[in-house]
Amino acid sequence: MTVPNMLTFLRIILSPFFLFFFFADIWLGIPVWISAIVTIIIFGMIEISDLLDGYYARKLNQTTDLGKMLDQFSDSVSRLTYFLCFTVFGRMPLWVFCAVLYRDLGVAFIRQLMARRGTAMAARWSGKLKALVYAATGLFGLAAISLTRLSLLPVVLPVLNIIVDILFVTTAATAVWTLIDYASALRIKKGE
């Protein structure tokens, strides 16, 4: 297995741990500060591995069709995990989560159609921008939730919450826009 693919698999493996530790204080009664710190560390590892897998794939000339598909899948798994936690926690509106979920399912379907035609669809530039928006939303959302849970910096929270709300709307808009962009790359053949 290549180094980039190992980094990509790491995101998939870490995602359930993010979910577990996000709610570990509720489920297991561990101190909330432990839950918050571990969740932040896992988030950092996931996002850093997302940056590094593409970098090493290009640097080591290890870009593969499997890697392209695996990267998109691991992005969906990790980011849907964050956003699910935010939604269950009551911070992310359900409609934003649904926009992200439907986008990812739609793009996965488009990728299957392309694969059926013998083409592995690489990430589009809109998808790369989406990844940046989702990562920023994850970072600021997790910061707001962590500060709330830990009762830290109450003076900062109102401004941070406004930023998070703007990012949630931006995330939903980006999800819709990128789905349209990916769909525009698909030319439906007669009979399909």
C-alpha atoms as a PDB file:
ATOM      1  CA  MET A   1       0.000   0.000   0.000  1.00  0.00           C
ATOM      2  CA  THR A   2       1.287   3.466  -0.871  1.00  0.00           C
ATOM      3  CA  VAL A   3       2.009   6.185   1.683  1.00  0.00           C
ATOM      4  CA  PRO A   4      -0.794   8.426   0.346  1.00  0.00           C
ATOM      5  CA  ASN A   5      -3.325   5.599   0.564  1.00  0.00           C
ATOM      6  CA  MET A   6      -2.220   4.808   4.135  1.00  0.00           C
ATOM      7  CA  LEU A   7      -2.814   8.451   5.072  1.00  0.00           C
ATOM      8  CA  THR A   8      -6.211   8.303   3.403  1.00  0.00           C
ATOM      9  CA  PHE A   9      -7.146   5.112   5.270  1.00  0.00           C
ATOM     10  CA  LEU A  10      -6.096   6.839   8.488  1.00  0.00           C
ATOM     11  CA  ARG A  11      -8.937   9.350   8.017  1.00  0.00           C
ATOM     12  CA  ILE A  12     -11.451   6.528   7.658  1.00  0.00           C
ATOM     13  CA  ILE A  13     -10.118   4.765  10.752  1.00  0.00           C
ATOM     14  CA  LEU A  14     -10.046   7.936  12.869  1.00  0.00           C
ATOM     15  CA  SER A  15     -13.585   9.038  12.006  1.00  0.00           C
ATOM     16  CA  PRO A  16     -15.406   6.611  14.350  1.00  0.00           C
ATOM     17  CA  PHE A  17     -12.977   7.607  17.105  1.00  0.00           C
ATOM     18  CA  PHE A  18     -13.951  11.243  16.555  1.00  0.00           C
ATOM     19  CA  LEU A  19     -17.607  10.279  16.957  1.00  0.00           C
ATOM     20  CA  PHE A  20     -16.874   8.182  20.038  1.00  0.00           C
ATOM     21  CA  PHE A  21     -14.809  10.813  21.837  1.00  0.00           C
ATOM     22  CA  PHE A  22     -17.144  13.644  20.840  1.00  0.00           C
ATOM     23  CA  PHE A  23     -19.848  11.969  22.951  1.00  0.00           C
ATOM     24  CA  ALA A  24     -17.614  10.072  25.411  1.00  0.00           C
ATOM     25  CA  ASP A  25     -18.446  12.434  28.260  1.00  0.00           C
ATOM     26  CA  ILE A  26     -22.154  11.654  27.796  1.00  0.00           C
ATOM     27  CA  TRP A  27     -21.823   7.953  27.006  1.00  0.00           C
ATOM     28  CA  LEU A  28     -19.092   7.046  29.510  1.00  0.00           C
ATOM     29  CA  GLY A  29     -19.131   9.935  31.948  1.00  0.00           C
ATOM     30  CA  ILE A  30     -15.480  10.851  31.368  1.00  0.00           C
ATOM     31  CA  PRO A  31     -14.588  14.484  32.063  1.00  0.00           C
ATOM     32  CA  VAL A  32     -15.736  16.793  29.282  1.00  0.00           C
ATOM     33  CA  TRP A  33     -12.273  18.349  28.973  1.00  0.00           C
ATOM     34  CA  ILE A  34     -10.778  14.960  28.077  1.00  0.00           C
ATOM     35  CA  SER A  35     -13.496  14.391  25.498  1.00  0.00           C
ATOM     36  CA  ALA A  36     -12.913  17.858  24.008  1.00  0.00           C
ATOM     37  CA  ILE A  37      -9.104  17.613  23.878  1.00  0.00           C
ATOM     38  CA  VAL A  38      -9.079  14.136  22.328  1.00  0.00           C
ATOM     39  CA  THR A  39     -11.695  15.197  19.782  1.00  0.00           C
ATOM     40  CA  ILE A  40      -9.616  18.247  18.817  1.00  0.00           C
ATOM     41  CA  ILE A  41      -6.490  16.086  18.423  1.00  0.00           C
ATOM     42  CA  ILE A  42      -8.339  13.572  16.235  1.00  0.00           C
ATOM     43  CA  PHE A  43      -9.781  16.402  14.139  1.00  0.00           C
ATOM     44  CA  GLY A  44      -6.264  17.768  13.629  1.00  0.00           C
ATOM     45  CA  MET A  45      -4.915  14.373  12.616  1.00  0.00           C
ATOM     46  CA  ILE A  46      -7.725  13.864  10.106  1.00  0.00           C
ATOM     47  CA  GLU A  47      -7.318  17.285   8.498  1.00  0.00           C
ATOM     48  CA  ILE A  48      -3.500  17.086   8.380  1.00  0.00           C
ATOM     49  CA  SER A  49      -3.664  13.625   6.787  1.00  0.00           C
ATOM     50  CA  ASP A  50      -6.034  15.076   4.176  1.00  0.00           C
ATOM     51  CA  LEU A  51      -3.416  17.668   3.253  1.00  0.00           C
ATOM     52  CA  LEU A  52      -0.554  15.187   3.271  1.00  0.00           C
ATOM     53  CA  ASP A  53      -2.100  12.368   1.220  1.00  0.00           C
ATOM     54  CA  GLY A  54      -2.435  14.512  -1.898  1.00  0.00           C
ATOM     55  CA  TYR A  55       0.954  16.110  -1.356  1.00  0.00           C
ATOM     56  CA  TYR A  56       2.711  12.744  -1.104  1.00  0.00           C
ATOM     57  CA  ALA A  57       0.727  11.251  -3.974  1.00  0.00           C
ATOM     58  CA  ARG A  58       2.091  13.976  -6.263  1.00  0.00           C
ATOM     59  CA  LYS A  59       5.569  14.155  -4.734  1.00  0.00           C
ATOM     60  CA  LEU A  60       6.129  10.389  -4.812  1.00  0.00           C
ATOM     61  CA  ASN A  61       4.319  10.009  -8.148  1.00  0.00           C
ATOM     62  CA  GLN A  62       1.866   7.609  -6.495  1.00  0.00           C
ATOM     63  CA  THR A  63      -1.389   9.017  -7.839  1.00  0.00           C
ATOM     64  CA  THR A  64      -3.726   6.113  -8.618  1.00  0.00           C
ATOM     65  CA  ASP A  65      -7.364   5.636  -9.571  1.00  0.00           C
ATOM     66  CA  LEU A  66      -7.878   3.811  -6.264  1.00  0.00           C
ATOM     67  CA  GLY A  67      -6.332   6.738  -4.419  1.00  0.00           C
ATOM     68  CA  LYS A  68      -8.625   9.217  -6.174  1.00  0.00           C
ATOM     69  CA  MET A  69     -11.720   7.251  -5.191  1.00  0.00           C
ATOM     70  CA  LEU A  70     -10.481   6.458  -1.691  1.00  0.00           C
ATOM     71  CA  ASP A  71      -9.643  10.111  -1.043  1.00  0.00           C
ATOM     72  CA  GLN A  72     -13.158  11.245  -1.885  1.00  0.00           C
ATOM     73  CA  PHE A  73     -14.681   8.438   0.181  1.00  0.00           C
ATOM     74  CA  SER A  74     -12.531   9.227   3.226  1.00  0.00           C
ATOM     75  CA  ASP A  75     -13.361  12.937   2.897  1.00  0.00           C
ATOM     76  CA  SER A  76     -17.054  12.064   2.975  1.00  0.00           C
ATOM     77  CA  VAL A  77     -16.705   9.706   5.924  1.00  0.00           C
ATOM     78  CA  SER A  78     -14.678  12.124   8.040  1.00  0.00           C
ATOM     79  CA  ARG A  79     -16.589  15.310   7.267  1.00  0.00           C
ATOM     80  CA  LEU A  80     -20.011  13.677   7.519  1.00  0.00           C
ATOM     81  CA  THR A  81     -18.888  12.374  10.909  1.00  0.00           C
ATOM     82  CA  TYR A  82     -18.017  15.890  12.127  1.00  0.00           C
ATOM     83  CA  PHE A  83     -21.199  17.375  10.805  1.00  0.00           C
ATOM     84  CA  LEU A  84     -23.342  14.559  12.208  1.00  0.00           C
ATOM     85  CA  CYS A  85     -21.838  15.207  15.648  1.00  0.00           C
ATOM     86  CA  PHE A  86     -22.495  18.943  15.299  1.00  0.00           C
ATOM     87  CA  THR A  87     -26.099  18.250  14.258  1.00  0.00           C
ATOM     88  CA  VAL A  88     -26.813  15.773  17.067  1.00  0.00           C
ATOM     89  CA  PHE A  89     -25.225  18.227  19.516  1.00  0.00           C
ATOM     90  CA  GLY A  90     -27.756  20.781  18.281  1.00  0.00           C
ATOM     91  CA  ARG A  91     -25.279  23.230  16.785  1.00  0.00           C
ATOM     92  CA  MET A  92     -25.500  22.520  13.044  1.00  0.00           C
ATOM     93  CA  PRO A  93     -28.957  22.874  11.503  1.00  0.00           C
ATOM     94  CA  LEU A  94     -30.311  19.613  10.115  1.00  0.00           C
ATOM     95  CA  TRP A  95     -30.899  21.209   6.699  1.00  0.00           C
ATOM     96  CA  VAL A  96     -27.168  22.010   6.407  1.00  0.00           C
ATOM     97  CA  PHE A  97     -26.246  18.428   7.268  1.00  0.00           C
ATOM     98  CA  CYS A  98     -28.755  17.161   4.693  1.00  0.00           C
ATOM     99  CA  ALA A  99     -27.301  19.449   1.992  1.00  0.00           C
ATOM    100  CA  VAL A 100     -23.844  17.988   2.667  1.00  0.00           C
ATOM    101  CA  LEU A 101     -25.158  14.420   2.799  1.00  0.00           C
ATOM    102  CA  TYR A 102     -27.166  14.740  -0.424  1.00  0.00           C
ATOM    103  CA  ARG A 103     -24.217  16.365  -2.165  1.00  0.00           C
ATOM    104  CA  ASP A 104     -21.886  13.542  -1.193  1.00  0.00           C
ATOM    105  CA  LEU A 105     -24.390  10.887  -2.235  1.00  0.00           C
ATOM    106  CA  GLY A 106     -24.976  12.694  -5.540  1.00  0.00           C
ATOM    107  CA  VAL A 107     -21.272  12.997  -6.310  1.00  0.00           C
ATOM    108  CA  ALA A 108     -20.748   9.339  -5.365  1.00  0.00           C
ATOM    109  CA  PHE A 109     -23.457   8.390  -7.872  1.00  0.00           C
ATOM    110  CA  ILE A 110     -21.861  10.556 -10.571  1.00  0.00           C
ATOM    111  CA  ARG A 111     -18.501   8.912  -9.876  1.00  0.00           C
ATOM    112  CA  GLN A 112     -20.112   5.471 -10.251  1.00  0.00           C
ATOM    113  CA  LEU A 113     -21.542   6.472 -13.606  1.00  0.00           C
ATOM    114  CA  MET A 114     -18.133   7.713 -14.724  1.00  0.00           C
ATOM    115  CA  ALA A 115     -16.451   4.531 -13.479  1.00  0.00           C
ATOM    116  CA  ARG A 116     -18.993   2.505 -15.432  1.00  0.00           C
ATOM    117  CA  ARG A 117     -17.687   4.306 -18.496  1.00  0.00           C
ATOM    118  CA  GLY A 118     -14.118   3.451 -17.571  1.00  0.00           C
ATOM    119  CA  THR A 119     -13.167   6.841 -16.147  1.00  0.00           C
ATOM    120  CA  ALA A 120     -12.074   7.540 -12.588  1.00  0.00           C
ATOM    121  CA  MET A 121     -13.277  11.053 -11.931  1.00  0.00           C
ATOM    122  CA  ALA A 122     -10.624  13.099 -10.165  1.00  0.00           C
ATOM    123  CA  ALA A 123     -11.502  15.863  -7.749  1.00  0.00           C
ATOM    124  CA  ARG A 124     -12.599  19.018  -9.533  1.00  0.00           C
ATOM    125  CA  TRP A 125     -11.385  22.431  -8.467  1.00  0.00           C
ATOM    126  CA  SER A 126     -14.818  23.077  -6.960  1.00  0.00           C
ATOM    127  CA  GLY A 127     -14.333  19.931  -4.875  1.00  0.00           C
ATOM    128  CA  LYS A 128     -11.017  21.237  -3.590  1.00  0.00           C
ATOM    129  CA  LEU A 129     -12.658  24.529  -2.623  1.00  0.00           C
ATOM    130  CA  LYS A 130     -15.447  22.540  -0.944  1.00  0.00           C
ATOM    131  CA  ALA A 131     -12.836  20.658   1.090  1.00  0.00           C
ATOM    132  CA  LEU A 132     -11.394  23.960   2.296  1.00  0.00           C
ATOM    133  CA  VAL A 133     -14.843  25.320   3.246  1.00  0.00           C
ATOM    134  CA  TYR A 134     -15.777  22.083   5.031  1.00  0.00           C
ATOM    135  CA  ALA A 135     -12.456  22.017   6.927  1.00  0.00           C
ATOM    136  CA  ALA A 136     -12.918  25.640   8.050  1.00  0.00           C
ATOM    137  CA  THR A 137     -16.492  24.876   9.107  1.00  0.00           C
ATOM    138  CA  GLY A 138     -15.282  21.824  11.018  1.00  0.00           C
ATOM    139  CA  LEU A 139     -12.529  23.803  12.731  1.00  0.00           C
ATOM    140  CA  PHE A 140     -14.683  26.766  13.762  1.00  0.00           C
ATOM    141  CA  GLY A 141     -17.655  24.549  14.608  1.00  0.00           C
ATOM    142  CA  LEU A 142     -15.538  22.318  16.816  1.00  0.00           C
ATOM    143  CA  ALA A 143     -13.960  25.370  18.464  1.00  0.00           C
ATOM    144  CA  ALA A 144     -17.381  26.865  19.256  1.00  0.00           C
ATOM    145  CA  ILE A 145     -18.729  23.581  20.590  1.00  0.00           C
ATOM    146  CA  SER A 146     -15.594  22.895  22.643  1.00  0.00           C
ATOM    147  CA  LEU A 147     -15.601  26.374  24.193  1.00  0.00           C
ATOM    148  CA  THR A 148     -19.299  26.000  24.978  1.00  0.00           C
ATOM    149  CA  ARG A 149     -18.856  22.566  26.538  1.00  0.00           C
ATOM    150  CA  LEU A 150     -15.851  23.700  28.568  1.00  0.00           C
ATOM    151  CA  SER A 151     -17.438  27.045  29.560  1.00  0.00           C
ATOM    152  CA  LEU A 152     -14.348  28.884  28.311  1.00  0.00           C
ATOM    153  CA  LEU A 153     -14.048  32.370  26.828  1.00  0.00           C
ATOM    154  CA  PRO A 154     -17.735  33.296  27.079  1.00  0.00           C
ATOM    155  CA  VAL A 155     -16.900  36.781  25.731  1.00  0.00           C
ATOM    156  CA  VAL A 156     -15.625  35.273  22.445  1.00  0.00           C
ATOM    157  CA  LEU A 157     -18.530  32.886  21.923  1.00  0.00           C
ATOM    158  CA  PRO A 158     -21.116  35.302  20.496  1.00  0.00           C
ATOM    159  CA  VAL A 159     -18.749  36.401  17.701  1.00  0.00           C
ATOM    160  CA  LEU A 160     -17.529  32.843  17.128  1.00  0.00           C
ATOM    161  CA  ASN A 161     -21.117  31.612  16.904  1.00  0.00           C
ATOM    162  CA  ILE A 162     -21.913  34.217  14.237  1.00  0.00           C
ATOM    163  CA  ILE A 163     -18.864  33.076  12.246  1.00  0.00           C
ATOM    164  CA  VAL A 164     -19.983  29.454  12.614  1.00  0.00           C
ATOM    165  CA  ASP A 165     -23.518  30.274  11.458  1.00  0.00           C
ATOM    166  CA  ILE A 166     -22.110  32.025   8.377  1.00  0.00           C
ATOM    167  CA  LEU A 167     -19.865  29.035   7.705  1.00  0.00           C
ATOM    168  CA  PHE A 168     -22.821  26.643   8.005  1.00  0.00           C
ATOM    169  CA  VAL A 169     -24.740  28.570   5.337  1.00  0.00           C
ATOM    170  CA  THR A 170     -21.576  28.756   3.209  1.00  0.00           C
ATOM    171  CA  THR A 171     -21.128  24.994   3.605  1.00  0.00           C
ATOM    172  CA  ALA A 172     -24.669  24.277   2.416  1.00  0.00           C
ATOM    173  CA  ALA A 173     -24.301  26.654  -0.541  1.00  0.00           C
ATOM    174  CA  THR A 174     -20.945  25.108  -1.443  1.00  0.00           C
ATOM    175  CA  ALA A 175     -22.455  21.626  -1.259  1.00  0.00           C
ATOM    176  CA  VAL A 176     -25.207  22.556  -3.707  1.00  0.00           C
ATOM    177  CA  TRP A 177     -22.845  24.422  -6.031  1.00  0.00           C
ATOM    178  CA  THR A 178     -20.275  21.592  -6.173  1.00  0.00           C
ATOM    179  CA  LEU A 179     -22.973  19.002  -6.840  1.00  0.00           C
ATOM    180  CA  ILE A 180     -24.129  21.080  -9.800  1.00  0.00           C
ATOM    181  CA  ASP A 181     -20.509  21.440 -10.958  1.00  0.00           C
ATOM    182  CA  TYR A 182     -19.864  17.687 -10.778  1.00  0.00           C
ATOM    183  CA  ALA A 183     -23.165  16.980 -12.525  1.00  0.00           C
ATOM    184  CA  SER A 184     -22.203  19.375 -15.325  1.00  0.00           C
ATOM    185  CA  ALA A 185     -19.133  17.215 -16.027  1.00  0.00           C
ATOM    186  CA  LEU A 186     -21.378  14.240 -16.638  1.00  0.00           C
ATOM    187  CA  ARG A 187     -22.742  13.917 -20.118  1.00  0.00           C
ATOM    188  CA  ILE A 188     -25.679  11.545 -20.071  1.00  0.00           C
ATOM    189  CA  LYS A 189     -25.580   9.191 -23.013  1.00  0.00           C
ATOM    190  CA  LYS A 190     -28.780   8.111 -24.666  1.00  0.00           C
ATOM    191  CA  GLY A 191     -30.018   4.871 -23.122  1.00  0.00           C
ATOM    192  CA  GLU A 192     -28.419   5.420 -19.700  1.00  0.00           C
END
